[in-house]
Amino acid sequence: MKKTDSSGLVPCMDDAKSDLLVSVVIPTYNRADQVGDAVRSVLNQTWRRCELIVVDDGSTDDTSTVVKPYLDRVRYCYQENKG
């Protein structure tokens, strides 16, 4: 049985693995109304070793404009719509 921490929760990884990088990929297509919330949610996580990649499948709305303020912390990949 795994040990719990002071909160009573079982840690998801031990200290030996605390340098792990978590990669989060957000695929999007014409979701300017939702992509900002998704990006902020990832950036507000307590785990600091995280890379965030937004893959835009040819959006024709304001998706790129919504992501633009985060480009210093987010990798934004745009491609023509492939369906």
PDB file of N, CA and C in Angstrom:
ATOM      1  N   MET A   1       0.835  -1.178   0.000  1.00  0.00           N
ATOM      2  CA  MET A   1       0.000   0.000   0.000  1.00  0.00           C
ATOM      3  C   MET A   1       0.885   1.249   0.000  1.00  0.00           C
ATOM      4  N   LYS A   2       0.547   2.218  -0.842  1.00  0.00           N
ATOM      5  CA  LYS A   2       1.330   3.437  -0.938  1.00  0.00           C
ATOM      6  C   LYS A   2       1.061   4.352   0.241  1.00  0.00           C
ATOM      7  N   LYS A   3       2.097   5.079   0.634  1.00  0.00           N
ATOM      8  CA  LYS A   3       1.952   6.039   1.720  1.00  0.00           C
ATOM      9  C   LYS A   3       1.203   7.268   1.233  1.00  0.00           C
ATOM     10  N   THR A   4       0.455   7.880   2.133  1.00  0.00           N
ATOM     11  CA  THR A   4      -0.237   9.121   1.798  1.00  0.00           C
ATOM     12  C   THR A   4       0.564  10.291   2.345  1.00  0.00           C
ATOM     13  N   ASP A   5       0.325  11.470   1.788  1.00  0.00           N
ATOM     14  CA  ASP A   5       0.979  12.656   2.326  1.00  0.00           C
ATOM     15  C   ASP A   5       0.111  13.237   3.437  1.00  0.00           C
ATOM     16  N   SER A   6       0.474  14.415   3.946  1.00  0.00           N
ATOM     17  CA  SER A   6      -0.253  15.010   5.073  1.00  0.00           C
ATOM     18  C   SER A   6      -1.712  15.320   4.738  1.00  0.00           C
ATOM     19  N   SER A   7      -2.044  15.444   3.468  1.00  0.00           N
ATOM     20  CA  SER A   7      -3.434  15.706   3.076  1.00  0.00           C
ATOM     21  C   SER A   7      -4.253  14.426   2.988  1.00  0.00           C
ATOM     22  N   GLY A   8      -3.583  13.274   3.122  1.00  0.00           N
ATOM     23  CA  GLY A   8      -4.272  11.995   3.000  1.00  0.00           C
ATOM     24  C   GLY A   8      -4.304  11.470   1.578  1.00  0.00           C
ATOM     25  N   LEU A   9      -3.699  12.218   0.642  1.00  0.00           N
ATOM     26  CA  LEU A   9      -3.679  11.802  -0.750  1.00  0.00           C
ATOM     27  C   LEU A   9      -2.425  11.008  -1.053  1.00  0.00           C
ATOM     28  N   VAL A  10      -2.519  10.099  -1.983  1.00  0.00           N
ATOM     29  CA  VAL A  10      -1.360   9.337  -2.422  1.00  0.00           C
ATOM     30  C   VAL A  10      -0.634  10.170  -3.483  1.00  0.00           C
ATOM     31  N   PRO A  11       0.647  10.505  -3.264  1.00  0.00           N
ATOM     32  CA  PRO A  11       1.377  11.285  -4.272  1.00  0.00           C
ATOM     33  C   PRO A  11       1.433  10.518  -5.594  1.00  0.00           C
ATOM     34  N   CYS A  12       1.352  11.238  -6.694  1.00  0.00           N
ATOM     35  CA  CYS A  12       1.352  10.569  -8.000  1.00  0.00           C
ATOM     36  C   CYS A  12       2.751  10.163  -8.431  1.00  0.00           C
ATOM     37  N   MET A  13       3.781  10.702  -7.798  1.00  0.00           N
ATOM     38  CA  MET A  13       5.148  10.305  -8.120  1.00  0.00           C
ATOM     39  C   MET A  13       6.027  10.539  -6.903  1.00  0.00           C
ATOM     40  N   ASP A  14       7.116   9.796  -6.836  1.00  0.00           N
ATOM     41  CA  ASP A  14       8.017   9.977  -5.696  1.00  0.00           C
ATOM     42  C   ASP A  14       9.025  11.082  -5.991  1.00  0.00           C
ATOM     43  N   ASP A  15       9.777  11.486  -4.983  1.00  0.00           N
ATOM     44  CA  ASP A  15      10.730  12.583  -5.125  1.00  0.00           C
ATOM     45  C   ASP A  15      11.806  12.299  -6.165  1.00  0.00           C
ATOM     46  N   ALA A  16      12.127  11.046  -6.368  1.00  0.00           N
ATOM     47  CA  ALA A  16      13.159  10.693  -7.339  1.00  0.00           C
ATOM     48  C   ALA A  16      12.741  11.044  -8.761  1.00  0.00           C
ATOM     49  N   LYS A  17      11.449  11.190  -8.994  1.00  0.00           N
ATOM     50  CA  LYS A  17      10.939  11.492 -10.324  1.00  0.00           C
ATOM     51  C   LYS A  17      10.421  12.919 -10.427  1.00  0.00           C
ATOM     52  N   SER A  18      10.771  13.780  -9.498  1.00  0.00           N
ATOM     53  CA  SER A  18      10.202  15.121  -9.458  1.00  0.00           C
ATOM     54  C   SER A  18      10.697  16.024 -10.579  1.00  0.00           C
ATOM     55  N   ASP A  19      11.654  15.558 -11.383  1.00  0.00           N
ATOM     56  CA  ASP A  19      12.130  16.367 -12.495  1.00  0.00           C
ATOM     57  C   ASP A  19      11.406  16.034 -13.801  1.00  0.00           C
ATOM     58  N   LEU A  20      10.350  15.237 -13.731  1.00  0.00           N
ATOM     59  CA  LEU A  20       9.602  14.856 -14.924  1.00  0.00           C
ATOM     60  C   LEU A  20       8.960  16.069 -15.590  1.00  0.00           C
ATOM     61  N   LEU A  21       8.974  16.073 -16.905  1.00  0.00           N
ATOM     62  CA  LEU A  21       8.329  17.109 -17.690  1.00  0.00           C
ATOM     63  C   LEU A  21       6.956  16.603 -18.123  1.00  0.00           C
ATOM     64  N   VAL A  22       5.953  17.397 -17.902  1.00  0.00           N
ATOM     65  CA  VAL A  22       4.597  17.065 -18.333  1.00  0.00           C
ATOM     66  C   VAL A  22       4.314  17.869 -19.602  1.00  0.00           C
ATOM     67  N   SER A  23       3.878  17.191 -20.649  1.00  0.00           N
ATOM     68  CA  SER A  23       3.511  17.850 -21.901  1.00  0.00           C
ATOM     69  C   SER A  23       1.993  17.830 -22.032  1.00  0.00           C
ATOM     70  N   VAL A  24       1.431  18.999 -22.303  1.00  0.00           N
ATOM     71  CA  VAL A  24      -0.012  19.119 -22.497  1.00  0.00           C
ATOM     72  C   VAL A  24      -0.238  19.627 -23.911  1.00  0.00           C
ATOM     73  N   VAL A  25      -1.066  18.920 -24.670  1.00  0.00           N
ATOM     74  CA  VAL A  25      -1.401  19.324 -26.029  1.00  0.00           C
ATOM     75  C   VAL A  25      -2.884  19.663 -26.071  1.00  0.00           C
ATOM     76  N   ILE A  26      -3.181  20.873 -26.522  1.00  0.00           N
ATOM     77  CA  ILE A  26      -4.571  21.301 -26.678  1.00  0.00           C
ATOM     78  C   ILE A  26      -4.848  21.417 -28.176  1.00  0.00           C
ATOM     79  N   PRO A  27      -5.584  20.458 -28.740  1.00  0.00           N
ATOM     80  CA  PRO A  27      -5.986  20.600 -30.141  1.00  0.00           C
ATOM     81  C   PRO A  27      -7.195  21.530 -30.208  1.00  0.00           C
ATOM     82  N   THR A  28      -7.250  22.370 -31.229  1.00  0.00           N
ATOM     83  CA  THR A  28      -8.367  23.307 -31.314  1.00  0.00           C
ATOM     84  C   THR A  28      -8.732  23.606 -32.763  1.00  0.00           C
ATOM     85  N   TYR A  29      -9.995  23.907 -32.949  1.00  0.00           N
ATOM     86  CA  TYR A  29     -10.499  24.368 -34.242  1.00  0.00           C
ATOM     87  C   TYR A  29     -11.700  25.261 -33.960  1.00  0.00           C
ATOM     88  N   ASN A  30     -11.544  26.539 -34.240  1.00  0.00           N
ATOM     89  CA  ASN A  30     -12.613  27.530 -34.041  1.00  0.00           C
ATOM     90  C   ASN A  30     -13.199  27.478 -32.624  1.00  0.00           C
ATOM     91  N   ARG A  31     -12.338  27.498 -31.637  1.00  0.00           N
ATOM     92  CA  ARG A  31     -12.766  27.488 -30.236  1.00  0.00           C
ATOM     93  C   ARG A  31     -12.179  28.675 -29.481  1.00  0.00           C
ATOM     94  N   ALA A  32     -12.174  29.828 -30.105  1.00  0.00           N
ATOM     95  CA  ALA A  32     -11.654  31.039 -29.452  1.00  0.00           C
ATOM     96  C   ALA A  32     -12.366  31.287 -28.123  1.00  0.00           C
ATOM     97  N   ASP A  33     -13.612  30.895 -28.035  1.00  0.00           N
ATOM     98  CA  ASP A  33     -14.391  31.116 -26.809  1.00  0.00           C
ATOM     99  C   ASP A  33     -13.974  30.182 -25.670  1.00  0.00           C
ATOM    100  N   GLN A  34     -13.207  29.131 -25.967  1.00  0.00           N
ATOM    101  CA  GLN A  34     -12.817  28.161 -24.942  1.00  0.00           C
ATOM    102  C   GLN A  34     -11.313  27.989 -24.772  1.00  0.00           C
ATOM    103  N   VAL A  35     -10.533  28.279 -25.786  1.00  0.00           N
ATOM    104  CA  VAL A  35      -9.107  27.979 -25.737  1.00  0.00           C
ATOM    105  C   VAL A  35      -8.387  28.813 -24.677  1.00  0.00           C
ATOM    106  N   GLY A  36      -8.806  30.021 -24.435  1.00  0.00           N
ATOM    107  CA  GLY A  36      -8.172  30.844 -23.405  1.00  0.00           C
ATOM    108  C   GLY A  36      -8.323  30.231 -22.025  1.00  0.00           C
ATOM    109  N   ASP A  37      -9.511  29.739 -21.714  1.00  0.00           N
ATOM    110  CA  ASP A  37      -9.738  29.077 -20.421  1.00  0.00           C
ATOM    111  C   ASP A  37      -8.870  27.823 -20.295  1.00  0.00           C
ATOM    112  N   ALA A  38      -8.751  27.074 -21.379  1.00  0.00           N
ATOM    113  CA  ALA A  38      -7.944  25.849 -21.354  1.00  0.00           C
ATOM    114  C   ALA A  38      -6.471  26.183 -21.124  1.00  0.00           C
ATOM    115  N   VAL A  39      -5.968  27.199 -21.804  1.00  0.00           N
ATOM    116  CA  VAL A  39      -4.568  27.606 -21.641  1.00  0.00           C
ATOM    117  C   VAL A  39      -4.319  28.077 -20.212  1.00  0.00           C
ATOM    118  N   ARG A  40      -5.188  28.945 -19.699  1.00  0.00           N
ATOM    119  CA  ARG A  40      -5.029  29.445 -18.323  1.00  0.00           C
ATOM    120  C   ARG A  40      -5.087  28.310 -17.307  1.00  0.00           C
ATOM    121  N   SER A  41      -5.942  27.350 -17.536  1.00  0.00           N
ATOM    122  CA  SER A  41      -6.050  26.214 -16.623  1.00  0.00           C
ATOM    123  C   SER A  41      -4.725  25.460 -16.528  1.00  0.00           C
ATOM    124  N   VAL A  42      -4.085  25.226 -17.657  1.00  0.00           N
ATOM    125  CA  VAL A  42      -2.800  24.521 -17.655  1.00  0.00           C
ATOM    126  C   VAL A  42      -1.729  25.386 -16.999  1.00  0.00           C
ATOM    127  N   LEU A  43      -1.675  26.656 -17.361  1.00  0.00           N
ATOM    128  CA  LEU A  43      -0.636  27.535 -16.821  1.00  0.00           C
ATOM    129  C   LEU A  43      -0.781  27.771 -15.321  1.00  0.00           C
ATOM    130  N   ASN A  44      -1.974  27.596 -14.783  1.00  0.00           N
ATOM    131  CA  ASN A  44      -2.206  27.802 -13.350  1.00  0.00           C
ATOM    132  C   ASN A  44      -1.968  26.562 -12.504  1.00  0.00           C
ATOM    133  N   GLN A  45      -1.541  25.468 -13.111  1.00  0.00           N
ATOM    134  CA  GLN A  45      -1.256  24.259 -12.344  1.00  0.00           C
ATOM    135  C   GLN A  45      -0.024  24.476 -11.464  1.00  0.00           C
ATOM    136  N   THR A  46       0.047  23.756 -10.374  1.00  0.00           N
ATOM    137  CA  THR A  46       1.174  23.906  -9.460  1.00  0.00           C
ATOM    138  C   THR A  46       2.425  23.190  -9.967  1.00  0.00           C
ATOM    139  N   TRP A  47       2.281  22.219 -10.849  1.00  0.00           N
ATOM    140  CA  TRP A  47       3.433  21.527 -11.412  1.00  0.00           C
ATOM    141  C   TRP A  47       4.115  22.472 -12.388  1.00  0.00           C
ATOM    142  N   ARG A  48       5.348  22.832 -12.139  1.00  0.00           N
ATOM    143  CA  ARG A  48       6.061  23.846 -12.923  1.00  0.00           C
ATOM    144  C   ARG A  48       6.764  23.293 -14.148  1.00  0.00           C
ATOM    145  N   ARG A  49       7.115  22.023 -14.146  1.00  0.00           N
ATOM    146  CA  ARG A  49       7.827  21.447 -15.302  1.00  0.00           C
ATOM    147  C   ARG A  49       6.806  20.973 -16.324  1.00  0.00           C
ATOM    148  N   CYS A  50       6.286  21.941 -17.043  1.00  0.00           N
ATOM    149  CA  CYS A  50       5.187  21.668 -17.961  1.00  0.00           C
ATOM    150  C   CYS A  50       5.416  22.432 -19.258  1.00  0.00           C
ATOM    151  N   GLU A  51       5.198  21.747 -20.373  1.00  0.00           N
ATOM    152  CA  GLU A  51       5.197  22.443 -21.664  1.00  0.00           C
ATOM    153  C   GLU A  51       3.776  22.381 -22.206  1.00  0.00           C
ATOM    154  N   LEU A  52       3.331  23.472 -22.786  1.00  0.00           N
ATOM    155  CA  LEU A  52       1.978  23.547 -23.326  1.00  0.00           C
ATOM    156  C   LEU A  52       2.072  23.820 -24.821  1.00  0.00           C
ATOM    157  N   ILE A  53       1.413  22.963 -25.584  1.00  0.00           N
ATOM    158  CA  ILE A  53       1.401  23.081 -27.039  1.00  0.00           C
ATOM    159  C   ILE A  53      -0.054  23.193 -27.483  1.00  0.00           C
ATOM    160  N   VAL A  54      -0.372  24.273 -28.181  1.00  0.00           N
ATOM    161  CA  VAL A  54      -1.708  24.448 -28.753  1.00  0.00           C
ATOM    162  C   VAL A  54      -1.581  24.181 -30.246  1.00  0.00           C
ATOM    163  N   VAL A  55      -2.348  23.209 -30.731  1.00  0.00           N
ATOM    164  CA  VAL A  55      -2.335  22.854 -32.154  1.00  0.00           C
ATOM    165  C   VAL A  55      -3.649  23.325 -32.753  1.00  0.00           C
ATOM    166  N   ASP A  56      -3.550  24.314 -33.629  1.00  0.00           N
ATOM    167  CA  ASP A  56      -4.717  24.938 -34.253  1.00  0.00           C
ATOM    168  C   ASP A  56      -4.889  24.358 -35.651  1.00  0.00           C
ATOM    169  N   ASP A  57      -5.992  23.673 -35.864  1.00  0.00           N
ATOM    170  CA  ASP A  57      -6.261  23.006 -37.142  1.00  0.00           C
ATOM    171  C   ASP A  57      -6.984  23.943 -38.106  1.00  0.00           C
ATOM    172  N   GLY A  58      -6.385  25.111 -38.355  1.00  0.00           N
ATOM    173  CA  GLY A  58      -6.913  26.012 -39.376  1.00  0.00           C
ATOM    174  C   GLY A  58      -8.100  26.846 -38.938  1.00  0.00           C
ATOM    175  N   SER A  59      -8.136  27.252 -37.690  1.00  0.00           N
ATOM    176  CA  SER A  59      -9.258  28.062 -37.202  1.00  0.00           C
ATOM    177  C   SER A  59      -9.422  29.332 -38.027  1.00  0.00           C
ATOM    178  N   THR A  60     -10.684  29.715 -38.216  1.00  0.00           N
ATOM    179  CA  THR A  60     -11.003  30.948 -38.946  1.00  0.00           C
ATOM    180  C   THR A  60     -11.597  31.999 -38.014  1.00  0.00           C
ATOM    181  N   ASP A  61     -11.643  31.696 -36.721  1.00  0.00           N
ATOM    182  CA  ASP A  61     -12.144  32.662 -35.737  1.00  0.00           C
ATOM    183  C   ASP A  61     -10.939  33.346 -35.075  1.00  0.00           C
ATOM    184  N   ASP A  62     -11.092  33.837 -33.876  1.00  0.00           N
ATOM    185  CA  ASP A  62     -10.032  34.574 -33.180  1.00  0.00           C
ATOM    186  C   ASP A  62      -9.153  33.702 -32.285  1.00  0.00           C
ATOM    187  N   THR A  63      -9.053  32.431 -32.572  1.00  0.00           N
ATOM    188  CA  THR A  63      -8.252  31.526 -31.743  1.00  0.00           C
ATOM    189  C   THR A  63      -6.817  32.025 -31.593  1.00  0.00           C
ATOM    190  N   SER A  64      -6.178  32.400 -32.678  1.00  0.00           N
ATOM    191  CA  SER A  64      -4.781  32.853 -32.605  1.00  0.00           C
ATOM    192  C   SER A  64      -4.651  34.131 -31.782  1.00  0.00           C
ATOM    193  N   THR A  65      -5.615  35.002 -31.863  1.00  0.00           N
ATOM    194  CA  THR A  65      -5.604  36.244 -31.084  1.00  0.00           C
ATOM    195  C   THR A  65      -5.715  35.951 -29.594  1.00  0.00           C
ATOM    196  N   VAL A  66      -6.522  34.964 -29.233  1.00  0.00           N
ATOM    197  CA  VAL A  66      -6.696  34.585 -27.833  1.00  0.00           C
ATOM    198  C   VAL A  66      -5.417  33.967 -27.277  1.00  0.00           C
ATOM    199  N   VAL A  67      -4.721  33.182 -28.076  1.00  0.00           N
ATOM    200  CA  VAL A  67      -3.499  32.505 -27.633  1.00  0.00           C
ATOM    201  C   VAL A  67      -2.301  33.461 -27.607  1.00  0.00           C
ATOM    202  N   LYS A  68      -2.314  34.477 -28.422  1.00  0.00           N
ATOM    203  CA  LYS A  68      -1.169  35.378 -28.599  1.00  0.00           C
ATOM    204  C   LYS A  68      -0.573  35.915 -27.290  1.00  0.00           C
ATOM    205  N   PRO A  69      -1.350  36.353 -26.302  1.00  0.00           N
ATOM    206  CA  PRO A  69      -0.743  36.874 -25.066  1.00  0.00           C
ATOM    207  C   PRO A  69       0.072  35.842 -24.282  1.00  0.00           C
ATOM    208  N   TYR A  70      -0.076  34.577 -24.595  1.00  0.00           N
ATOM    209  CA  TYR A  70       0.595  33.504 -23.855  1.00  0.00           C
ATOM    210  C   TYR A  70       1.796  32.927 -24.606  1.00  0.00           C
ATOM    211  N   LEU A  71       2.147  33.501 -25.739  1.00  0.00           N
ATOM    212  CA  LEU A  71       3.178  32.900 -26.592  1.00  0.00           C
ATOM    213  C   LEU A  71       4.550  32.810 -25.927  1.00  0.00           C
ATOM    214  N   ASP A  72       4.778  33.551 -24.857  1.00  0.00           N
ATOM    215  CA  ASP A  72       6.049  33.422 -24.145  1.00  0.00           C
ATOM    216  C   ASP A  72       6.101  32.142 -23.318  1.00  0.00           C
ATOM    217  N   ARG A  73       4.917  31.514 -23.098  1.00  0.00           N
ATOM    218  CA  ARG A  73       4.859  30.285 -22.303  1.00  0.00           C
ATOM    219  C   ARG A  73       4.190  29.129 -23.027  1.00  0.00           C
ATOM    220  N   VAL A  74       3.733  29.371 -24.249  1.00  0.00           N
ATOM    221  CA  VAL A  74       2.972  28.368 -25.006  1.00  0.00           C
ATOM    222  C   VAL A  74       3.583  28.221 -26.396  1.00  0.00           C
ATOM    223  N   ARG A  75       3.672  26.992 -26.868  1.00  0.00           N
ATOM    224  CA  ARG A  75       4.065  26.746 -28.252  1.00  0.00           C
ATOM    225  C   ARG A  75       2.771  26.662 -29.066  1.00  0.00           C
ATOM    226  N   TYR A  76       2.635  27.527 -30.049  1.00  0.00           N
ATOM    227  CA  TYR A  76       1.420  27.585 -30.866  1.00  0.00           C
ATOM    228  C   TYR A  76       1.751  27.085 -32.268  1.00  0.00           C
ATOM    229  N   CYS A  77       1.061  26.035 -32.685  1.00  0.00           N
ATOM    230  CA  CYS A  77       1.276  25.443 -33.998  1.00  0.00           C
ATOM    231  C   CYS A  77       0.003  25.586 -34.827  1.00  0.00           C
ATOM    232  N   TYR A  78       0.107  26.304 -35.931  1.00  0.00           N
ATOM    233  CA  TYR A  78      -1.042  26.492 -36.822  1.00  0.00           C
ATOM    234  C   TYR A  78      -0.811  25.679 -38.090  1.00  0.00           C
ATOM    235  N   GLN A  79      -1.855  25.028 -38.541  1.00  0.00           N
ATOM    236  CA  GLN A  79      -1.789  24.319 -39.808  1.00  0.00           C
ATOM    237  C   GLN A  79      -3.088  24.558 -40.556  1.00  0.00           C
ATOM    238  N   GLU A  80      -3.052  24.430 -41.852  1.00  0.00           N
ATOM    239  CA  GLU A  80      -4.277  24.507 -42.638  1.00  0.00           C
ATOM    240  C   GLU A  80      -5.208  23.382 -42.176  1.00  0.00           C
ATOM    241  N   ASN A  81      -6.498  23.629 -42.238  1.00  0.00           N
ATOM    242  CA  ASN A  81      -7.467  22.651 -41.737  1.00  0.00           C
ATOM    243  C   ASN A  81      -7.332  21.327 -42.477  1.00  0.00           C
ATOM    244  N   LYS A  82      -7.199  20.271 -41.676  1.00  0.00           N
ATOM    245  CA  LYS A  82      -7.077  18.924 -42.231  1.00  0.00           C
ATOM    246  C   LYS A  82      -8.226  18.024 -41.796  1.00  0.00           C
ATOM    247  N   GLY A  83      -9.144  18.612 -41.012  1.00  0.00           N
ATOM    248  CA  GLY A  83     -10.328  17.865 -40.610  1.00  0.00           C
ATOM    249  C   GLY A  83     -10.195  16.910 -39.502  1.00  0.00           C
TER     250      GLY A  83
END
